[in-house]
Amino acid sequence: MDRRFKPVAAQLALAIELRDDATLENYVAPQNAEVIAKIESLALSPSTSADNALYLWGAPSSGKTHLLQAACHTFSAQAKTAAYLPLALVDELQPAMLDDMEHLALVCIDDLNVIAGRSEWELALFHFFNRARGAGTALIFAADAAPAYSAIQLADLRSRLAAMLVLHIHSLNDVEKLAALQLRAHRRGLELSTDVGRFLLHRAPRDMRDLFDLLDRLDKASLQAQRRLSIPFVKEVLAQ
């Protein structure tokens, strides 16, 4: 198994794994400090807390998935059960998998917008939401739009989502993207100079997932060739 991924207890039943490097410490985005503080607060709050439902929205690749997985890691570090459910895989999942998930300490539901208009999923989420609130389960939903602009058809579910604490995830600017790349490289034992980082930002796709995947590729190429990450070396790898 790729060592960048590690299952969390509740993930085993779902066959969904979390990235090892999806942690709050690895998240570089000062504009989203309020979100990080809220996730940390959720993990430390008692299970009876009434203020434990969070709705995150933002553009693709703004870091929503990273934050949801980081929340699961944070809860696990507190010996609390957590599950991450990416609805982007909805065609491989069944609404019935939400049964009994309200008994976990945290449930993170990603890509909420994907199930908009799927009545069986919308109804299952509505009932799960009600059970989870009654059980004191912490909830974090993520979508590409705020609840007021959601394409969810079920009015009762929309109203439940709108009642959550809604926070906008700001996309990283170029300075933050460079800092995120350098932090990721440093944790891998790589030295990514500012010049090389800027070169990547100007020559590679600007989507953070693509940039991180490219950094993984460069890491492996650097190890195999026993060469540092210089601009000439990066050009060679990009040309392959």
Protein backbone atom coordinates (compact mmCIF):
# COMPACT_ATOMS: atom_id res chain seq x y z
CA MET A 1 0.00 0.00 0.00
CA ASP A 2 1.21 3.51 -0.77
CA ARG A 3 2.65 4.83 2.51
CA ARG A 4 1.09 8.24 1.88
CA PHE A 5 -2.28 6.69 2.76
CA LYS A 6 -3.44 5.19 6.04
CA PRO A 7 -6.81 3.81 7.09
CA VAL A 8 -8.55 5.24 10.15
CA ALA A 9 -10.63 2.80 12.23
CA ALA A 10 -14.03 3.78 10.86
CA GLN A 11 -12.66 3.91 7.33
CA LEU A 12 -12.08 0.17 7.16
CA ALA A 13 -15.78 -0.63 6.83
CA LEU A 14 -16.03 1.90 4.00
CA ALA A 15 -12.87 0.81 2.18
CA ILE A 16 -11.92 4.50 1.99
CA GLU A 17 -8.50 5.59 3.12
CA LEU A 18 -7.12 8.93 4.26
CA ARG A 19 -3.92 10.54 3.10
CA ASP A 20 -1.25 10.50 5.78
CA ASP A 21 -0.23 14.02 4.78
CA ALA A 22 -3.75 15.46 4.99
CA THR A 23 -3.25 17.13 8.36
CA LEU A 24 -3.98 20.56 9.76
CA GLU A 25 -0.24 21.11 10.18
CA ASN A 26 0.22 20.61 6.43
CA TYR A 27 -2.54 23.03 5.48
CA VAL A 28 -1.11 26.37 4.35
CA ALA A 29 -3.81 29.02 3.96
CA PRO A 30 -3.81 31.93 6.45
CA GLN A 31 -7.12 33.15 5.03
CA ASN A 32 -8.76 29.96 6.30
CA ALA A 33 -7.42 30.16 9.86
CA GLU A 34 -10.97 30.32 11.24
CA VAL A 35 -11.78 26.95 9.65
CA ILE A 36 -8.71 25.30 11.15
CA ALA A 37 -9.51 26.74 14.58
CA LYS A 38 -13.08 25.45 14.33
CA ILE A 39 -11.96 21.92 13.40
CA GLU A 40 -9.53 21.87 16.32
CA SER A 41 -12.31 23.08 18.60
CA LEU A 42 -14.64 20.33 17.36
CA ALA A 43 -12.09 17.65 18.23
CA LEU A 44 -11.70 18.98 21.76
CA SER A 45 -15.39 19.61 22.40
CA PRO A 46 -17.52 17.10 24.33
CA SER A 47 -19.77 14.91 22.20
CA THR A 48 -22.81 16.68 23.67
CA SER A 49 -21.81 20.03 22.15
CA ALA A 50 -24.67 21.61 20.18
CA ASP A 51 -22.27 23.69 18.08
CA ASN A 52 -20.66 20.84 16.17
CA ALA A 53 -22.01 21.02 12.62
CA LEU A 54 -19.87 22.71 9.97
CA TYR A 55 -20.52 23.37 6.28
CA LEU A 56 -17.50 24.26 4.11
CA TRP A 57 -17.82 25.54 0.57
CA GLY A 58 -15.36 26.72 -2.02
CA ALA A 59 -14.00 26.29 -5.51
CA PRO A 60 -12.53 22.96 -6.65
CA SER A 61 -9.02 22.38 -5.26
CA SER A 62 -9.45 25.02 -2.57
CA GLY A 63 -8.53 22.42 0.06
CA LYS A 64 -11.91 21.15 1.22
CA THR A 65 -10.96 17.47 0.92
CA HIS A 66 -7.67 18.09 2.73
CA LEU A 67 -9.53 19.77 5.60
CA LEU A 68 -12.13 17.01 5.94
CA GLN A 69 -9.47 14.31 6.01
CA ALA A 70 -7.40 16.40 8.41
CA ALA A 71 -10.44 16.61 10.69
CA CYS A 72 -10.64 12.81 10.72
CA HIS A 73 -6.95 12.58 11.63
CA THR A 74 -7.43 15.18 14.36
CA PHE A 75 -10.33 13.27 15.91
CA SER A 76 -8.39 9.99 15.68
CA ALA A 77 -5.51 11.61 17.56
CA GLN A 78 -8.02 12.27 20.35
CA ALA A 79 -9.03 8.58 20.30
CA LYS A 80 -12.38 9.50 18.73
CA THR A 81 -13.95 7.59 15.86
CA ALA A 82 -14.23 9.36 12.51
CA ALA A 83 -15.29 8.58 8.97
CA TYR A 84 -14.71 10.34 5.66
CA LEU A 85 -17.29 9.82 2.92
CA PRO A 86 -16.53 11.25 -0.56
CA LEU A 87 -19.77 11.47 -2.50
CA ALA A 88 -17.75 11.86 -5.68
CA LEU A 89 -17.73 8.04 -5.51
CA VAL A 90 -21.52 7.94 -5.30
CA ASP A 91 -21.82 5.39 -8.10
CA GLU A 92 -19.79 2.96 -5.98
CA LEU A 93 -21.69 3.68 -2.76
CA GLN A 94 -25.15 3.00 -1.37
CA PRO A 95 -27.30 5.34 0.77
CA ALA A 96 -27.68 2.51 3.29
CA MET A 97 -24.05 2.98 4.30
CA LEU A 98 -25.21 5.99 6.32
CA ASP A 99 -27.12 3.65 8.64
CA ASP A 100 -25.66 3.73 12.16
CA MET A 101 -22.91 6.23 11.24
CA GLU A 102 -24.43 8.60 13.77
CA HIS A 103 -22.71 6.52 16.43
CA LEU A 104 -19.31 7.85 15.35
CA ALA A 105 -17.78 10.94 16.93
CA LEU A 106 -17.29 12.64 13.54
CA VAL A 107 -18.63 12.14 10.04
CA CYS A 108 -17.17 14.17 7.16
CA ILE A 109 -19.19 14.19 3.95
CA ASP A 110 -17.35 15.54 0.91
CA ASP A 111 -18.63 16.53 -2.56
CA LEU A 112 -22.20 17.10 -1.35
CA ASN A 113 -23.10 18.78 -4.64
CA VAL A 114 -22.62 15.47 -6.50
CA ILE A 115 -25.79 13.93 -5.06
CA ALA A 116 -28.01 16.93 -5.82
CA GLY A 117 -31.16 15.64 -7.51
CA ARG A 118 -30.60 12.03 -6.41
CA SER A 119 -33.71 11.65 -4.29
CA GLU A 120 -32.65 8.44 -2.53
CA TRP A 121 -29.38 10.02 -1.40
CA GLU A 122 -30.97 13.32 -0.43
CA LEU A 123 -33.55 11.56 1.73
CA ALA A 124 -30.94 9.27 3.31
CA LEU A 125 -28.77 12.29 4.15
CA PHE A 126 -31.75 14.13 5.64
CA HIS A 127 -32.57 11.24 7.96
CA PHE A 128 -28.90 10.70 8.80
CA PHE A 129 -28.53 14.40 9.62
CA ASN A 130 -31.45 14.22 12.06
CA ARG A 131 -30.09 11.09 13.73
CA ALA A 132 -26.60 12.57 13.97
CA ARG A 133 -27.84 15.78 15.56
CA GLY A 134 -29.79 13.77 18.08
CA ALA A 135 -26.74 11.66 18.89
CA GLY A 136 -24.38 14.62 19.23
CA THR A 137 -22.23 13.49 16.29
CA ALA A 138 -19.93 16.17 14.88
CA LEU A 139 -20.64 16.79 11.20
CA ILE A 140 -18.61 18.47 8.48
CA PHE A 141 -20.06 18.81 5.00
CA ALA A 142 -18.19 20.18 1.99
CA ALA A 143 -19.59 21.39 -1.32
CA ASP A 144 -18.82 23.74 -4.17
CA ALA A 145 -21.50 26.29 -3.23
CA ALA A 146 -23.06 27.78 -0.11
CA PRO A 147 -26.35 26.23 1.08
CA ALA A 148 -28.33 29.16 -0.31
CA TYR A 149 -27.07 28.27 -3.79
CA SER A 150 -27.11 24.50 -3.42
CA ALA A 151 -28.77 22.37 -6.09
CA ILE A 152 -30.12 20.00 -3.42
CA GLN A 153 -33.80 19.40 -4.22
CA LEU A 154 -35.11 18.27 -0.83
CA ALA A 155 -36.19 21.47 0.93
CA ASP A 156 -35.92 19.96 4.42
CA LEU A 157 -32.32 18.92 3.77
CA ARG A 158 -31.47 22.37 2.39
CA SER A 159 -32.86 23.97 5.54
CA ARG A 160 -30.79 21.66 7.75
CA LEU A 161 -27.63 22.54 5.81
CA ALA A 162 -28.36 26.27 6.00
CA ALA A 163 -28.66 25.98 9.80
CA MET A 164 -25.06 24.75 10.10
CA LEU A 165 -22.11 27.07 10.62
CA VAL A 166 -21.23 27.98 7.02
CA LEU A 167 -17.64 28.92 6.19
CA HIS A 168 -16.15 29.82 2.83
CA ILE A 169 -12.84 28.13 1.93
CA HIS A 170 -10.63 30.65 0.14
CA SER A 171 -8.44 29.34 -2.64
CA LEU A 172 -4.68 29.67 -2.21
CA ASN A 173 -2.88 32.54 -3.91
CA ASP A 174 0.50 31.98 -5.57
CA VAL A 175 2.47 32.82 -2.43
CA GLU A 176 0.45 30.30 -0.42
CA LYS A 177 0.73 27.67 -3.16
CA LEU A 178 4.51 28.06 -3.11
CA ALA A 179 4.56 27.79 0.69
CA ALA A 180 2.38 24.66 0.53
CA LEU A 181 4.70 23.05 -2.03
CA GLN A 182 7.78 23.89 0.01
CA LEU A 183 6.22 22.53 3.20
CA ARG A 184 5.23 19.30 1.43
CA ALA A 185 8.74 18.99 -0.04
CA HIS A 186 10.38 19.67 3.33
CA ARG A 187 8.34 16.95 5.02
CA ARG A 188 9.57 14.58 2.31
CA GLY A 189 13.20 15.54 2.91
CA LEU A 190 13.38 17.53 -0.32
CA GLU A 191 14.73 21.02 -0.79
CA LEU A 192 12.45 23.04 -3.05
CA SER A 193 13.99 26.44 -3.64
CA THR A 194 11.82 29.47 -4.26
CA ASP A 195 13.08 29.68 -7.86
CA VAL A 196 12.19 26.06 -8.59
CA GLY A 197 8.84 26.44 -6.85
CA ARG A 198 7.97 29.48 -8.93
CA PHE A 199 9.06 27.62 -12.06
CA LEU A 200 6.60 24.84 -11.22
CA LEU A 201 3.79 27.32 -10.65
CA HIS A 202 4.37 28.89 -14.06
CA ARG A 203 4.99 25.69 -16.06
CA ALA A 204 2.68 23.14 -14.43
CA PRO A 205 -1.11 23.00 -13.88
CA ARG A 206 -2.05 25.41 -11.10
CA ASP A 207 -4.49 23.01 -9.46
CA MET A 208 -3.02 22.06 -6.06
CA ARG A 209 -3.84 18.38 -6.51
CA ASP A 210 -1.92 18.38 -9.79
CA LEU A 211 0.96 20.28 -8.21
CA PHE A 212 1.19 17.83 -5.32
CA ASP A 213 1.05 14.90 -7.72
CA LEU A 214 3.87 16.51 -9.71
CA LEU A 215 5.88 16.94 -6.52
CA ASP A 216 5.40 13.21 -5.83
CA ARG A 217 6.70 12.48 -9.32
CA LEU A 218 9.70 14.76 -8.84
CA ASP A 219 10.42 13.18 -5.48
CA LYS A 220 10.63 9.71 -7.04
CA ALA A 221 12.68 10.97 -10.01
CA SER A 222 15.08 12.81 -7.71
CA LEU A 223 15.58 9.70 -5.59
CA GLN A 224 16.18 7.48 -8.60
CA ALA A 225 18.58 9.90 -10.29
CA GLN A 226 20.19 11.02 -7.03
CA ARG A 227 19.83 14.63 -8.13
CA ARG A 228 18.49 17.68 -6.37
CA LEU A 229 15.46 19.60 -7.58
CA SER A 230 17.03 22.15 -9.89
CA ILE A 231 15.26 23.88 -12.77
CA PRO A 232 17.23 21.89 -15.41
CA PHE A 233 16.33 18.62 -13.65
CA VAL A 234 12.66 19.60 -13.36
CA LYS A 235 12.62 20.46 -17.07
CA GLU A 236 13.96 16.96 -17.85
CA VAL A 237 11.24 15.31 -15.78
CA LEU A 238 8.48 17.45 -17.29
CA ALA A 239 9.71 16.58 -20.79
CA GLN A 240 9.41 12.82 -20.15
